[in-house]
Amino acid sequence: MKLVKRNQKLHDPNSPLLIGEVKDGDVVTEVNEPSYIEPKQPTLFDY
């Protein structure tokens, strides 16, 4: 529970990260990860 409370304090709603922030020396890498979830119904983008 202590870890949860500590992480809640690190949350910044203006940050692109869920917890914390990007600091000097951090390396951010974008990856293209395919989704393995098959849609059960058509989406807006299927038309």
C-alpha atoms as a PDB file:
ATOM      1  CA  MET A   1       0.000   0.000   0.000  1.00  0.00           C
ATOM      2  CA  LYS A   2       2.933   2.341   0.671  1.00  0.00           C
ATOM      3  CA  LEU A   3       4.137   1.859  -2.915  1.00  0.00           C
ATOM      4  CA  VAL A   4       0.684   2.749  -4.254  1.00  0.00           C
ATOM      5  CA  LYS A   5       0.562   5.971  -2.259  1.00  0.00           C
ATOM      6  CA  ARG A   6       4.100   6.904  -3.322  1.00  0.00           C
ATOM      7  CA  ASN A   7       3.233   6.323  -6.982  1.00  0.00           C
ATOM      8  CA  GLN A   8       0.039   8.363  -6.648  1.00  0.00           C
ATOM      9  CA  LYS A   9       2.133  11.330  -5.496  1.00  0.00           C
ATOM     10  CA  LEU A  10       4.361  10.944  -8.582  1.00  0.00           C
ATOM     11  CA  HIS A  11       1.421  11.172 -11.007  1.00  0.00           C
ATOM     12  CA  ASP A  12       1.415  14.324 -13.152  1.00  0.00           C
ATOM     13  CA  PRO A  13      -1.730  14.741 -15.302  1.00  0.00           C
ATOM     14  CA  ASN A  14       0.243  16.956 -17.714  1.00  0.00           C
ATOM     15  CA  SER A  15       2.983  14.373 -18.245  1.00  0.00           C
ATOM     16  CA  PRO A  16       2.898  11.933 -21.168  1.00  0.00           C
ATOM     17  CA  LEU A  17       3.901   9.221 -18.678  1.00  0.00           C
ATOM     18  CA  LEU A  18       1.511   7.534 -16.279  1.00  0.00           C
ATOM     19  CA  ILE A  19       3.865   7.932 -13.320  1.00  0.00           C
ATOM     20  CA  GLY A  20       6.732  10.385 -12.963  1.00  0.00           C
ATOM     21  CA  GLU A  21       8.340  12.483 -15.646  1.00  0.00           C
ATOM     22  CA  VAL A  22      11.109  12.250 -18.218  1.00  0.00           C
ATOM     23  CA  LYS A  23      14.412  13.317 -16.676  1.00  0.00           C
ATOM     24  CA  ASP A  24      17.779  14.222 -18.180  1.00  0.00           C
ATOM     25  CA  GLY A  25      19.566  11.049 -19.210  1.00  0.00           C
ATOM     26  CA  ASP A  26      16.341   9.059 -19.689  1.00  0.00           C
ATOM     27  CA  VAL A  27      15.940   7.354 -23.031  1.00  0.00           C
ATOM     28  CA  VAL A  28      12.414   7.246 -24.459  1.00  0.00           C
ATOM     29  CA  THR A  29      11.873   4.802 -27.287  1.00  0.00           C
ATOM     30  CA  GLU A  30       8.654   4.499 -29.253  1.00  0.00           C
ATOM     31  CA  VAL A  31       7.820   0.991 -30.391  1.00  0.00           C
ATOM     32  CA  ASN A  32       5.207  -0.237 -32.811  1.00  0.00           C
ATOM     33  CA  GLU A  33       3.496  -2.977 -30.849  1.00  0.00           C
ATOM     34  CA  PRO A  34       0.694  -4.720 -32.760  1.00  0.00           C
ATOM     35  CA  SER A  35      -2.554  -5.446 -30.966  1.00  0.00           C
ATOM     36  CA  TYR A  36      -3.468  -9.088 -30.580  1.00  0.00           C
ATOM     37  CA  ILE A  37      -7.048  -8.286 -29.613  1.00  0.00           C
ATOM     38  CA  GLU A  38      -9.500  -8.961 -32.414  1.00  0.00           C
ATOM     39  CA  PRO A  39     -12.420  -6.530 -32.510  1.00  0.00           C
ATOM     40  CA  LYS A  40     -15.765  -8.126 -31.802  1.00  0.00           C
ATOM     41  CA  GLN A  41     -17.654  -5.436 -33.662  1.00  0.00           C
ATOM     42  CA  PRO A  42     -16.780  -2.940 -36.413  1.00  0.00           C
ATOM     43  CA  THR A  43     -15.258   0.324 -35.318  1.00  0.00           C
ATOM     44  CA  LEU A  44     -15.652   3.797 -36.791  1.00  0.00           C
ATOM     45  CA  PHE A  45     -12.455   3.313 -38.771  1.00  0.00           C
ATOM     46  CA  ASP A  46     -13.722   0.184 -40.553  1.00  0.00           C
ATOM     47  CA  TYR A  47     -15.993   2.198 -42.843  1.00  0.00           C
END
